[in-house]
Amino acid sequence: MSSPRRRIETDVMKMLMSDYEVTLVNDNMHPLSEAVDKSFTHGIRQEFYVRFKGPEETPFQGGLWKVHVELPDQYPYKSPSIGFVNRIFHPNIDELSGSVCLDVINQTWSPMFDMINIFEVFLPQLLRYPNPTDPLNGEAAALLMREPKSYDAKVKEYVAKYASKEAADEAGAESDDDDDMSSVGSFGDDEDEEPAGQMEEV
């Protein structure tokens, strides 16, 4: 099944060659193309971060977000997982985890799309035209439906507070070490381990 693998390689390389700032996960000591090759040959899940600017003429304008993208093995037949690392106030994006509503992605996703479409069409459209009837953030959805001007003001407040270049640079930095630790811990299938924090009696 080399077709999905080839498609992933092609789409990731297109992103790397685009105007977007892309950071591959697990590429610390390898040139970009070697990192992509190594990810596939060793079965490492393909994930990366992309810097995304808020669309103009929206309350998100001027914001800069670090967006985490993870491509499933079945990509492009299965949609990518997308999440905002620094906070954003939007009905279809979970405020704490940054996850984008799967229903929204799956309803619009097609294998004809590539990663460039996500950042040039899908995310800008999502921010321009939120769907408050299928919310991940109930507060944002309610505010948008009841008081659109207050919603816009809250979005702008979040942009100023959480979506600056500095905030995007720092986003996820404190959790990177935790992510590495949790991924190391997930390799074992040993169910006999005691929960953390418990000690044997002496």
Protein backbone atom coordinates (compact mmCIF):
# COMPACT_ATOMS: atom_id res chain seq x y z
CA MET A 1 0.00 0.00 0.00
CA SER A 2 2.58 2.53 -1.14
CA SER A 3 0.02 4.94 -2.62
CA PRO A 4 -0.98 6.60 0.70
CA ARG A 5 2.69 6.71 1.73
CA ARG A 6 3.67 8.38 -1.54
CA ARG A 7 0.80 10.83 -1.16
CA ILE A 8 1.88 11.72 2.37
CA GLU A 9 5.47 12.27 1.17
CA THR A 10 4.26 14.47 -1.69
CA ASP A 11 1.95 16.57 0.48
CA VAL A 12 4.54 17.04 3.22
CA MET A 13 7.17 18.07 0.67
CA LYS A 14 4.68 20.55 -0.88
CA MET A 15 4.16 22.07 2.57
CA LEU A 16 7.91 22.26 3.18
CA MET A 17 8.41 24.03 -0.16
CA SER A 18 5.47 26.42 0.37
CA ASP A 19 5.57 29.87 1.95
CA TYR A 20 4.33 28.40 5.24
CA GLU A 21 6.75 27.92 8.10
CA VAL A 22 6.71 24.16 8.72
CA THR A 23 8.46 22.24 11.49
CA LEU A 24 8.59 18.46 11.21
CA VAL A 25 8.38 16.45 14.42
CA ASN A 26 11.29 13.96 14.83
CA ASP A 27 13.60 15.83 12.42
CA ASN A 28 16.10 17.17 14.96
CA MET A 29 19.27 15.82 13.37
CA HIS A 30 18.32 15.20 9.75
CA PRO A 31 17.98 17.34 6.64
CA LEU A 32 14.31 17.82 5.75
CA SER A 33 14.07 15.23 2.97
CA GLU A 34 15.99 12.68 5.03
CA ALA A 35 13.69 13.35 7.99
CA VAL A 36 10.63 12.72 5.82
CA ASP A 37 12.17 9.48 4.46
CA LYS A 38 13.17 8.33 7.93
CA SER A 39 9.66 8.99 9.27
CA PHE A 40 8.17 6.66 6.70
CA THR A 41 10.76 3.88 6.75
CA HIS A 42 10.63 3.60 10.54
CA GLY A 43 6.85 3.81 10.79
CA ILE A 44 6.87 7.04 12.78
CA ARG A 45 3.55 8.83 12.52
CA GLN A 46 3.86 11.84 10.25
CA GLU A 47 3.24 15.00 12.18
CA PHE A 48 4.35 18.57 11.90
CA TYR A 49 3.61 22.13 12.97
CA VAL A 50 2.61 24.95 10.62
CA ARG A 51 2.49 28.68 11.35
CA PHE A 52 -0.95 29.95 10.36
CA LYS A 53 -2.01 33.60 10.10
CA GLY A 54 -5.58 34.69 10.81
CA PRO A 55 -7.51 35.61 7.65
CA GLU A 56 -7.77 39.29 6.77
CA GLU A 57 -11.03 41.17 7.34
CA THR A 58 -11.97 38.86 10.23
CA PRO A 59 -11.56 39.32 13.98
CA PHE A 60 -8.71 36.77 13.70
CA GLN A 61 -6.66 39.13 11.49
CA GLY A 62 -3.19 39.77 12.87
CA GLY A 63 -3.13 36.51 14.83
CA LEU A 64 -0.42 33.88 14.41
CA TRP A 65 -1.07 30.31 15.48
CA LYS A 66 1.06 27.23 15.68
CA VAL A 67 -1.10 24.46 14.21
CA HIS A 68 -0.32 20.79 14.90
CA VAL A 69 -1.07 18.43 12.00
CA GLU A 70 -0.99 14.66 12.19
CA LEU A 71 -1.52 12.55 9.08
CA PRO A 72 -3.10 9.12 9.60
CA ASP A 73 -1.73 6.06 7.78
CA GLN A 74 -4.89 6.10 5.60
CA TYR A 75 -4.30 9.70 4.45
CA PRO A 76 -5.68 11.10 2.11
CA TYR A 77 -8.67 8.77 2.41
CA LYS A 78 -8.92 9.68 6.09
CA SER A 79 -8.74 13.34 7.09
CA PRO A 80 -5.75 14.74 8.99
CA SER A 81 -5.96 15.60 12.67
CA ILE A 82 -5.61 19.36 13.17
CA GLY A 83 -5.19 21.32 16.39
CA PHE A 84 -4.28 24.86 17.40
CA VAL A 85 -1.42 24.83 19.92
CA ASN A 86 -1.86 28.39 21.17
CA ARG A 87 -5.35 29.35 22.32
CA ILE A 88 -8.10 30.53 20.01
CA PHE A 89 -11.73 31.50 20.71
CA HIS A 90 -13.96 29.80 18.13
CA PRO A 91 -17.17 27.71 18.31
CA ASN A 92 -15.68 24.75 16.40
CA ILE A 93 -12.29 24.65 18.15
CA ASP A 94 -11.85 23.31 21.68
CA GLU A 95 -10.44 26.18 23.74
CA LEU A 96 -8.17 24.07 25.94
CA SER A 97 -6.98 21.28 23.63
CA GLY A 98 -7.10 23.31 20.39
CA SER A 99 -8.73 20.40 18.54
CA VAL A 100 -10.74 21.31 15.47
CA CYS A 101 -14.19 19.70 15.38
CA LEU A 102 -13.89 16.36 13.56
CA ASP A 103 -17.40 16.69 12.11
CA VAL A 104 -16.37 19.95 10.46
CA ILE A 105 -13.23 18.38 8.99
CA ASN A 106 -14.87 15.13 7.91
CA GLN A 107 -17.86 16.87 6.27
CA THR A 108 -15.59 18.91 4.02
CA TRP A 109 -12.58 16.59 3.59
CA SER A 110 -11.96 14.89 0.25
CA PRO A 111 -8.97 12.79 -0.89
CA MET A 112 -8.65 15.37 -3.68
CA PHE A 113 -7.51 17.95 -1.10
CA ASP A 114 -3.92 18.30 0.00
CA MET A 115 -2.30 19.97 2.99
CA ILE A 116 -2.01 23.31 1.18
CA ASN A 117 -5.85 23.30 0.87
CA ILE A 118 -6.11 22.97 4.66
CA PHE A 119 -4.17 26.20 5.22
CA GLU A 120 -5.32 28.20 2.19
CA VAL A 121 -8.99 27.22 2.11
CA PHE A 122 -10.28 25.05 4.96
CA LEU A 123 -8.93 26.89 8.03
CA PRO A 124 -9.57 30.40 6.66
CA GLN A 125 -13.16 29.37 5.79
CA LEU A 126 -13.62 27.82 9.23
CA LEU A 127 -12.52 31.05 10.92
CA ARG A 128 -14.61 33.23 8.59
CA TYR A 129 -17.78 31.13 8.82
CA PRO A 130 -17.99 29.33 12.18
CA ASN A 131 -20.79 26.82 12.73
CA PRO A 132 -22.31 27.56 16.15
CA THR A 133 -24.84 24.70 15.80
CA ASP A 134 -22.08 22.05 16.14
CA PRO A 135 -19.83 23.56 18.83
CA LEU A 136 -16.77 22.31 20.65
CA ASN A 137 -16.70 25.61 22.54
CA GLY A 138 -20.23 26.24 23.83
CA GLU A 139 -19.37 29.67 25.23
CA ALA A 140 -18.08 30.88 21.84
CA ALA A 141 -21.11 29.42 20.04
CA ALA A 142 -23.61 31.04 22.43
CA LEU A 143 -21.84 34.40 22.27
CA LEU A 144 -21.71 34.30 18.45
CA MET A 145 -25.44 33.55 18.20
CA ARG A 146 -26.61 36.02 20.88
CA GLU A 147 -24.09 38.87 20.67
CA PRO A 148 -21.96 38.79 17.50
CA LYS A 149 -20.18 42.05 18.38
CA SER A 150 -19.19 40.69 21.79
CA TYR A 151 -17.99 37.51 20.08
CA ASP A 152 -15.78 39.57 17.73
CA ALA A 153 -14.40 41.51 20.71
CA LYS A 154 -13.58 38.29 22.60
CA VAL A 155 -11.88 36.82 19.52
CA LYS A 156 -9.76 39.99 19.21
CA GLU A 157 -8.94 39.80 22.92
CA TYR A 158 -7.68 36.21 22.46
CA VAL A 159 -5.71 37.22 19.36
CA ALA A 160 -3.96 39.99 21.32
CA LYS A 161 -3.31 37.76 24.32
CA TYR A 162 -2.52 34.34 22.79
CA ALA A 163 -1.81 34.75 19.05
CA SER A 164 1.23 37.03 18.88
CA LYS A 165 4.48 35.83 17.29
CA GLU A 166 5.93 35.41 20.79
CA ALA A 167 2.92 33.38 21.92
CA ALA A 168 3.18 31.15 18.83
CA ASP A 169 6.93 30.69 19.46
CA GLU A 170 6.28 29.68 23.06
CA ALA A 171 3.17 27.61 22.32
CA GLY A 172 3.74 24.00 23.18
CA ALA A 173 7.30 24.61 24.39
CA GLU A 174 6.44 23.71 27.97
CA SER A 175 4.55 20.59 26.86
CA ASP A 176 7.16 19.32 24.35
CA ASP A 177 9.10 17.59 27.11
CA ASP A 178 5.89 16.12 28.51
CA ASP A 179 4.93 14.84 25.04
CA ASP A 180 8.31 13.14 24.67
CA MET A 181 7.95 11.56 28.07
CA SER A 182 4.44 10.30 27.44
CA SER A 183 5.38 8.84 24.07
CA VAL A 184 8.27 6.92 25.64
CA GLY A 185 5.92 5.61 28.32
CA SER A 186 3.39 4.44 25.77
CA PHE A 187 5.72 1.93 24.10
CA GLY A 188 5.36 -0.68 26.83
CA ASP A 189 2.39 -3.03 26.97
CA ASP A 190 3.09 -3.98 30.57
CA GLU A 191 -0.23 -3.82 32.38
CA ASP A 192 1.29 -4.91 35.71
CA GLU A 193 2.89 -1.54 36.33
CA GLU A 194 1.77 0.28 39.44
CA PRO A 195 0.24 3.74 39.05
CA ALA A 196 2.63 6.64 39.49
CA GLY A 197 2.79 7.99 43.01
CA GLN A 198 2.32 4.67 44.82
CA MET A 199 5.20 3.09 46.63
CA GLU A 200 5.64 -0.42 47.91
CA GLU A 201 5.39 -0.79 51.66
CA VAL A 202 8.72 -1.51 53.35
